[in-house]
Structures are given as structure tokens and as C-alpha cells.
Amino acid sequence: APFFLKPAAKMLVGGLDKAFFGPRLKALMTEIEKALGKSTWFAGDNLTAADIVMGYSMELAAHRAGMDAGNYPNAHRFLQQMRAYPSYQRALEKDGKGTILL
């Protein structure tokens, strides 16, 4: 591939991230924060399949949105709860470290 394609692609993705993905992610994280402020888990006070499904997406959101206890405390708590489960840890390990960031 020509040498100029990588910088051009990076610039395009950066522009899309700033103009579209960033604001959308912030809006979604605000809604997630509200939902998790009402209960321990997404569907109530007990772990359900909904939480298991959301776990992987929340890992990605943690990376992309810079999620921590300061800016999204409920979402951060959710992810810490998920990470406390040995089965969740094994699932992340089986997936292969780093692939979530692609």
C-alpha cells in the first residue's frame, strides 16, 4: 500500500471519532450510567444474561470512553463486578488479549 494511505486513514477515522462516534458514545454512556444507577445490574439486582451480554461491550466502552470511577461510577462498578467473576475472566482470556480494542 502507498505510504500516504495509513496517515490519511488515521485522519479520516479520527475525524469520524470526533464528529460522530465520540458524541454518540458519550450519550450512550450517560444512559447506561442512569440505568445502572437504579439497580445493581442492567435487569435488576441479580446477574442475568443481559449483564453477561453487556460485559464485553462495557469492556470496549471502558477503553473508548475512558470510563473510570470518576466519570461513570455506576458503569465502572458494573464492570468491576463482572470482572470479579472467574468465569468472566476466563472468557476474556479465551478471547485473546487485545482483540477487544480492534
N, C-alpha and C. Protein backbone atom coordinates (compact mmCIF):
# COMPACT_ATOMS: atom_id res chain seq x y z
N ALA A 1 0.84 -1.19 0.00
CA ALA A 1 0.00 0.00 0.00
C ALA A 1 0.88 1.24 0.00
N PRO A 2 0.45 2.26 -0.70
CA PRO A 2 1.23 3.50 -0.71
C PRO A 2 1.40 4.08 0.70
N PHE A 3 2.53 4.72 0.92
CA PHE A 3 2.89 5.23 2.25
C PHE A 3 1.89 6.24 2.80
N PHE A 4 1.19 6.95 1.93
CA PHE A 4 0.29 8.01 2.39
C PHE A 4 -1.09 7.50 2.82
N LEU A 5 -1.40 6.24 2.56
CA LEU A 5 -2.72 5.72 2.92
C LEU A 5 -2.94 5.62 4.43
N LYS A 6 -1.93 5.17 5.15
CA LYS A 6 -2.09 5.00 6.59
C LYS A 6 -2.37 6.34 7.29
N PRO A 7 -1.60 7.39 7.04
CA PRO A 7 -1.92 8.68 7.68
C PRO A 7 -3.29 9.22 7.25
N ALA A 8 -3.65 9.02 5.99
CA ALA A 8 -4.95 9.51 5.51
C ALA A 8 -6.09 8.76 6.20
N ALA A 9 -5.94 7.44 6.33
CA ALA A 9 -6.96 6.64 7.00
C ALA A 9 -7.06 7.03 8.47
N LYS A 10 -5.93 7.26 9.09
CA LYS A 10 -5.91 7.66 10.51
C LYS A 10 -6.62 9.00 10.70
N MET A 11 -6.39 9.93 9.79
CA MET A 11 -7.03 11.23 9.86
C MET A 11 -8.55 11.10 9.67
N LEU A 12 -8.97 10.27 8.73
CA LEU A 12 -10.39 10.05 8.48
C LEU A 12 -11.07 9.44 9.70
N VAL A 13 -10.47 8.41 10.26
CA VAL A 13 -11.04 7.76 11.44
C VAL A 13 -11.08 8.72 12.62
N GLY A 14 -10.03 9.50 12.79
CA GLY A 14 -10.00 10.49 13.87
C GLY A 14 -11.11 11.52 13.73
N GLY A 15 -11.36 11.95 12.50
CA GLY A 15 -12.43 12.91 12.24
C GLY A 15 -13.80 12.31 12.53
N LEU A 16 -14.00 11.07 12.11
CA LEU A 16 -15.27 10.39 12.40
C LEU A 16 -15.46 10.19 13.89
N ASP A 17 -14.38 9.85 14.56
CA ASP A 17 -14.45 9.64 16.00
C ASP A 17 -14.87 10.92 16.72
N LYS A 18 -14.25 12.02 16.34
CA LYS A 18 -14.53 13.30 16.99
C LYS A 18 -15.93 13.81 16.65
N ALA A 19 -16.33 13.67 15.40
CA ALA A 19 -17.60 14.24 14.95
C ALA A 19 -18.81 13.36 15.23
N PHE A 20 -18.63 12.04 15.20
CA PHE A 20 -19.79 11.16 15.32
C PHE A 20 -19.69 10.18 16.48
N PHE A 21 -18.67 9.35 16.48
CA PHE A 21 -18.59 8.28 17.47
C PHE A 21 -18.43 8.79 18.89
N GLY A 22 -17.60 9.79 19.09
CA GLY A 22 -17.39 10.34 20.43
C GLY A 22 -18.67 10.85 21.07
N PRO A 23 -19.41 11.74 20.39
CA PRO A 23 -20.67 12.22 20.96
C PRO A 23 -21.71 11.11 21.18
N ARG A 24 -21.77 10.16 20.25
CA ARG A 24 -22.72 9.04 20.42
C ARG A 24 -22.35 8.19 21.62
N LEU A 25 -21.07 7.92 21.78
CA LEU A 25 -20.63 7.11 22.91
C LEU A 25 -20.91 7.83 24.22
N LYS A 26 -20.69 9.12 24.26
CA LYS A 26 -20.97 9.88 25.48
C LYS A 26 -22.46 9.82 25.82
N ALA A 27 -23.32 9.95 24.82
CA ALA A 27 -24.77 9.87 25.04
C ALA A 27 -25.17 8.48 25.55
N LEU A 28 -24.60 7.44 24.94
CA LEU A 28 -24.89 6.08 25.39
C LEU A 28 -24.40 5.83 26.81
N MET A 29 -23.22 6.31 27.12
CA MET A 29 -22.68 6.12 28.46
C MET A 29 -23.52 6.86 29.50
N THR A 30 -24.07 8.00 29.13
CA THR A 30 -24.95 8.73 30.04
C THR A 30 -26.20 7.90 30.35
N GLU A 31 -26.77 7.26 29.34
CA GLU A 31 -27.95 6.42 29.54
C GLU A 31 -27.60 5.16 30.34
N ILE A 32 -26.46 4.58 30.07
CA ILE A 32 -26.01 3.40 30.82
C ILE A 32 -25.80 3.77 32.28
N GLU A 33 -25.21 4.92 32.50
CA GLU A 33 -24.96 5.39 33.86
C GLU A 33 -26.27 5.55 34.63
N LYS A 34 -27.28 6.12 33.96
CA LYS A 34 -28.60 6.27 34.59
C LYS A 34 -29.22 4.91 34.92
N ALA A 35 -29.18 4.00 33.96
CA ALA A 35 -29.78 2.67 34.16
C ALA A 35 -29.11 1.93 35.32
N LEU A 36 -27.79 1.99 35.37
CA LEU A 36 -27.07 1.28 36.43
C LEU A 36 -27.14 2.02 37.76
N GLY A 37 -27.62 3.24 37.75
CA GLY A 37 -27.85 3.97 38.99
C GLY A 37 -29.12 3.53 39.69
N LYS A 38 -29.98 2.82 38.96
CA LYS A 38 -31.26 2.37 39.51
C LYS A 38 -31.20 0.96 40.09
N SER A 39 -30.21 0.18 39.67
CA SER A 39 -30.10 -1.19 40.16
C SER A 39 -28.65 -1.65 40.07
N THR A 40 -28.38 -2.77 40.70
CA THR A 40 -27.03 -3.32 40.73
C THR A 40 -26.58 -3.78 39.35
N TRP A 41 -27.50 -4.39 38.62
CA TRP A 41 -27.22 -4.95 37.30
C TRP A 41 -28.16 -4.31 36.29
N PHE A 42 -27.99 -4.60 35.02
CA PHE A 42 -28.83 -3.98 34.00
C PHE A 42 -30.31 -4.34 34.14
N ALA A 43 -30.60 -5.57 34.52
CA ALA A 43 -32.00 -6.01 34.58
C ALA A 43 -32.52 -6.14 36.01
N GLY A 44 -31.85 -5.55 36.96
CA GLY A 44 -32.31 -5.63 38.34
C GLY A 44 -31.17 -5.85 39.31
N ASP A 45 -31.49 -6.51 40.41
CA ASP A 45 -30.49 -6.71 41.45
C ASP A 45 -29.79 -8.06 41.40
N ASN A 46 -30.11 -8.85 40.38
CA ASN A 46 -29.44 -10.14 40.19
C ASN A 46 -28.79 -10.19 38.82
N LEU A 47 -27.65 -10.85 38.76
CA LEU A 47 -26.95 -11.04 37.49
C LEU A 47 -27.84 -11.84 36.54
N THR A 48 -27.98 -11.35 35.30
CA THR A 48 -28.78 -12.05 34.29
C THR A 48 -27.99 -12.14 32.99
N ALA A 49 -28.58 -12.79 32.01
CA ALA A 49 -27.96 -12.90 30.70
C ALA A 49 -27.70 -11.52 30.09
N ALA A 50 -28.56 -10.56 30.40
CA ALA A 50 -28.37 -9.20 29.88
C ALA A 50 -27.02 -8.64 30.31
N ASP A 51 -26.64 -8.89 31.54
CA ASP A 51 -25.36 -8.39 32.05
C ASP A 51 -24.19 -9.09 31.38
N ILE A 52 -24.34 -10.37 31.17
CA ILE A 52 -23.28 -11.14 30.52
C ILE A 52 -23.06 -10.64 29.10
N VAL A 53 -24.15 -10.38 28.40
CA VAL A 53 -24.07 -9.85 27.04
C VAL A 53 -23.42 -8.46 27.05
N MET A 54 -23.79 -7.64 28.01
CA MET A 54 -23.27 -6.27 28.08
C MET A 54 -21.81 -6.19 28.53
N GLY A 55 -21.33 -7.22 29.20
CA GLY A 55 -19.97 -7.18 29.74
C GLY A 55 -18.93 -6.85 28.69
N TYR A 56 -18.97 -7.53 27.57
CA TYR A 56 -17.96 -7.33 26.53
C TYR A 56 -18.05 -5.91 25.96
N SER A 57 -19.28 -5.45 25.74
CA SER A 57 -19.46 -4.09 25.22
C SER A 57 -18.96 -3.05 26.21
N MET A 58 -19.16 -3.33 27.48
CA MET A 58 -18.69 -2.40 28.50
C MET A 58 -17.16 -2.38 28.59
N GLU A 59 -16.52 -3.50 28.29
CA GLU A 59 -15.06 -3.51 28.23
C GLU A 59 -14.58 -2.55 27.13
N LEU A 60 -15.23 -2.62 26.00
CA LEU A 60 -14.88 -1.73 24.90
C LEU A 60 -15.18 -0.27 25.27
N ALA A 61 -16.33 -0.04 25.89
CA ALA A 61 -16.69 1.32 26.31
C ALA A 61 -15.69 1.86 27.33
N ALA A 62 -15.21 1.00 28.21
CA ALA A 62 -14.24 1.44 29.20
C ALA A 62 -12.99 1.99 28.51
N HIS A 63 -12.60 1.33 27.46
CA HIS A 63 -11.43 1.78 26.72
C HIS A 63 -11.73 3.04 25.90
N ARG A 64 -12.81 2.99 25.14
CA ARG A 64 -13.13 4.09 24.21
C ARG A 64 -13.59 5.36 24.92
N ALA A 65 -14.36 5.21 26.01
CA ALA A 65 -14.91 6.38 26.70
C ALA A 65 -14.03 6.83 27.86
N GLY A 66 -12.94 6.11 28.10
CA GLY A 66 -12.10 6.46 29.24
C GLY A 66 -12.85 6.31 30.55
N MET A 67 -13.66 5.28 30.62
CA MET A 67 -14.53 5.07 31.77
C MET A 67 -13.72 4.75 33.02
N ASP A 68 -14.02 5.47 34.09
CA ASP A 68 -13.43 5.16 35.39
C ASP A 68 -14.43 5.53 36.47
N ALA A 69 -14.04 5.35 37.72
CA ALA A 69 -14.95 5.60 38.84
C ALA A 69 -15.32 7.08 38.96
N GLY A 70 -14.51 7.95 38.39
CA GLY A 70 -14.78 9.38 38.48
C GLY A 70 -15.82 9.88 37.51
N ASN A 71 -15.76 9.43 36.26
CA ASN A 71 -16.69 9.96 35.26
C ASN A 71 -17.94 9.11 35.05
N TYR A 72 -17.85 7.83 35.27
CA TYR A 72 -19.01 6.93 35.13
C TYR A 72 -18.99 5.92 36.28
N PRO A 73 -19.30 6.36 37.50
CA PRO A 73 -19.14 5.47 38.66
C PRO A 73 -20.01 4.21 38.61
N ASN A 74 -21.24 4.31 38.12
CA ASN A 74 -22.11 3.13 38.08
C ASN A 74 -21.64 2.13 37.03
N ALA A 75 -21.25 2.64 35.88
CA ALA A 75 -20.75 1.76 34.82
C ALA A 75 -19.43 1.12 35.25
N HIS A 76 -18.60 1.89 35.91
CA HIS A 76 -17.33 1.36 36.42
C HIS A 76 -17.59 0.25 37.44
N ARG A 77 -18.54 0.49 38.34
CA ARG A 77 -18.90 -0.52 39.35
C ARG A 77 -19.38 -1.79 38.67
N PHE A 78 -20.24 -1.65 37.66
CA PHE A 78 -20.74 -2.80 36.92
C PHE A 78 -19.58 -3.63 36.37
N LEU A 79 -18.65 -2.96 35.72
CA LEU A 79 -17.54 -3.68 35.11
C LEU A 79 -16.66 -4.35 36.16
N GLN A 80 -16.46 -3.70 37.29
CA GLN A 80 -15.69 -4.32 38.37
C GLN A 80 -16.40 -5.56 38.90
N GLN A 81 -17.71 -5.50 39.01
CA GLN A 81 -18.49 -6.66 39.45
C GLN A 81 -18.35 -7.81 38.46
N MET A 82 -18.42 -7.49 37.17
CA MET A 82 -18.28 -8.53 36.15
C MET A 82 -16.89 -9.15 36.22
N ARG A 83 -15.89 -8.32 36.34
CA ARG A 83 -14.50 -8.80 36.37
C ARG A 83 -14.20 -9.65 37.61
N ALA A 84 -15.04 -9.55 38.62
CA ALA A 84 -14.84 -10.35 39.84
C ALA A 84 -15.24 -11.81 39.63
N TYR A 85 -16.00 -12.10 38.59
CA TYR A 85 -16.41 -13.47 38.31
C TYR A 85 -15.29 -14.21 37.58
N PRO A 86 -14.82 -15.33 38.14
CA PRO A 86 -13.77 -16.10 37.47
C PRO A 86 -14.17 -16.54 36.05
N SER A 87 -15.43 -16.86 35.85
CA SER A 87 -15.87 -17.29 34.52
C SER A 87 -15.76 -16.14 33.51
N TYR A 88 -16.02 -14.93 33.95
CA TYR A 88 -15.88 -13.76 33.07
C TYR A 88 -14.41 -13.55 32.73
N GLN A 89 -13.56 -13.68 33.72
CA GLN A 89 -12.12 -13.54 33.48
C GLN A 89 -11.63 -14.58 32.48
N ARG A 90 -12.10 -15.82 32.62
CA ARG A 90 -11.70 -16.87 31.68
C ARG A 90 -12.18 -16.57 30.27
N ALA A 91 -13.40 -16.05 30.16
CA ALA A 91 -13.93 -15.71 28.84
C ALA A 91 -13.09 -14.63 28.17
N LEU A 92 -12.69 -13.62 28.92
CA LEU A 92 -11.84 -12.57 28.36
C LEU A 92 -10.49 -13.13 27.93
N GLU A 93 -9.95 -14.04 28.72
CA GLU A 93 -8.66 -14.64 28.38
C GLU A 93 -8.77 -15.50 27.12
N LYS A 94 -9.86 -16.25 26.99
CA LYS A 94 -10.04 -17.09 25.81
C LYS A 94 -10.19 -16.27 24.54
N ASP A 95 -10.78 -15.09 24.68
CA ASP A 95 -10.97 -14.23 23.52
C ASP A 95 -9.63 -13.78 22.96
N GLY A 96 -8.66 -13.65 23.78
CA GLY A 96 -7.35 -13.20 23.33
C GLY A 96 -7.15 -11.74 23.67
N LYS A 97 -6.20 -11.47 24.49
CA LYS A 97 -5.97 -10.10 24.94
C LYS A 97 -5.70 -9.18 23.76
N GLY A 98 -6.32 -8.03 23.81
CA GLY A 98 -6.09 -7.02 22.79
C GLY A 98 -7.10 -7.00 21.67
N THR A 99 -7.79 -8.10 21.43
CA THR A 99 -8.71 -8.11 20.29
C THR A 99 -9.90 -7.19 20.51
N ILE A 100 -10.23 -6.92 21.76
CA ILE A 100 -11.37 -6.05 22.04
C ILE A 100 -11.11 -4.63 21.56
N LEU A 101 -9.86 -4.27 21.42
CA LEU A 101 -9.52 -2.90 21.05
C LEU A 101 -9.46 -2.68 19.55
N LEU A 102 -9.69 -3.69 18.77
CA LEU A 102 -9.61 -3.53 17.31
C LEU A 102 -10.77 -2.74 16.78
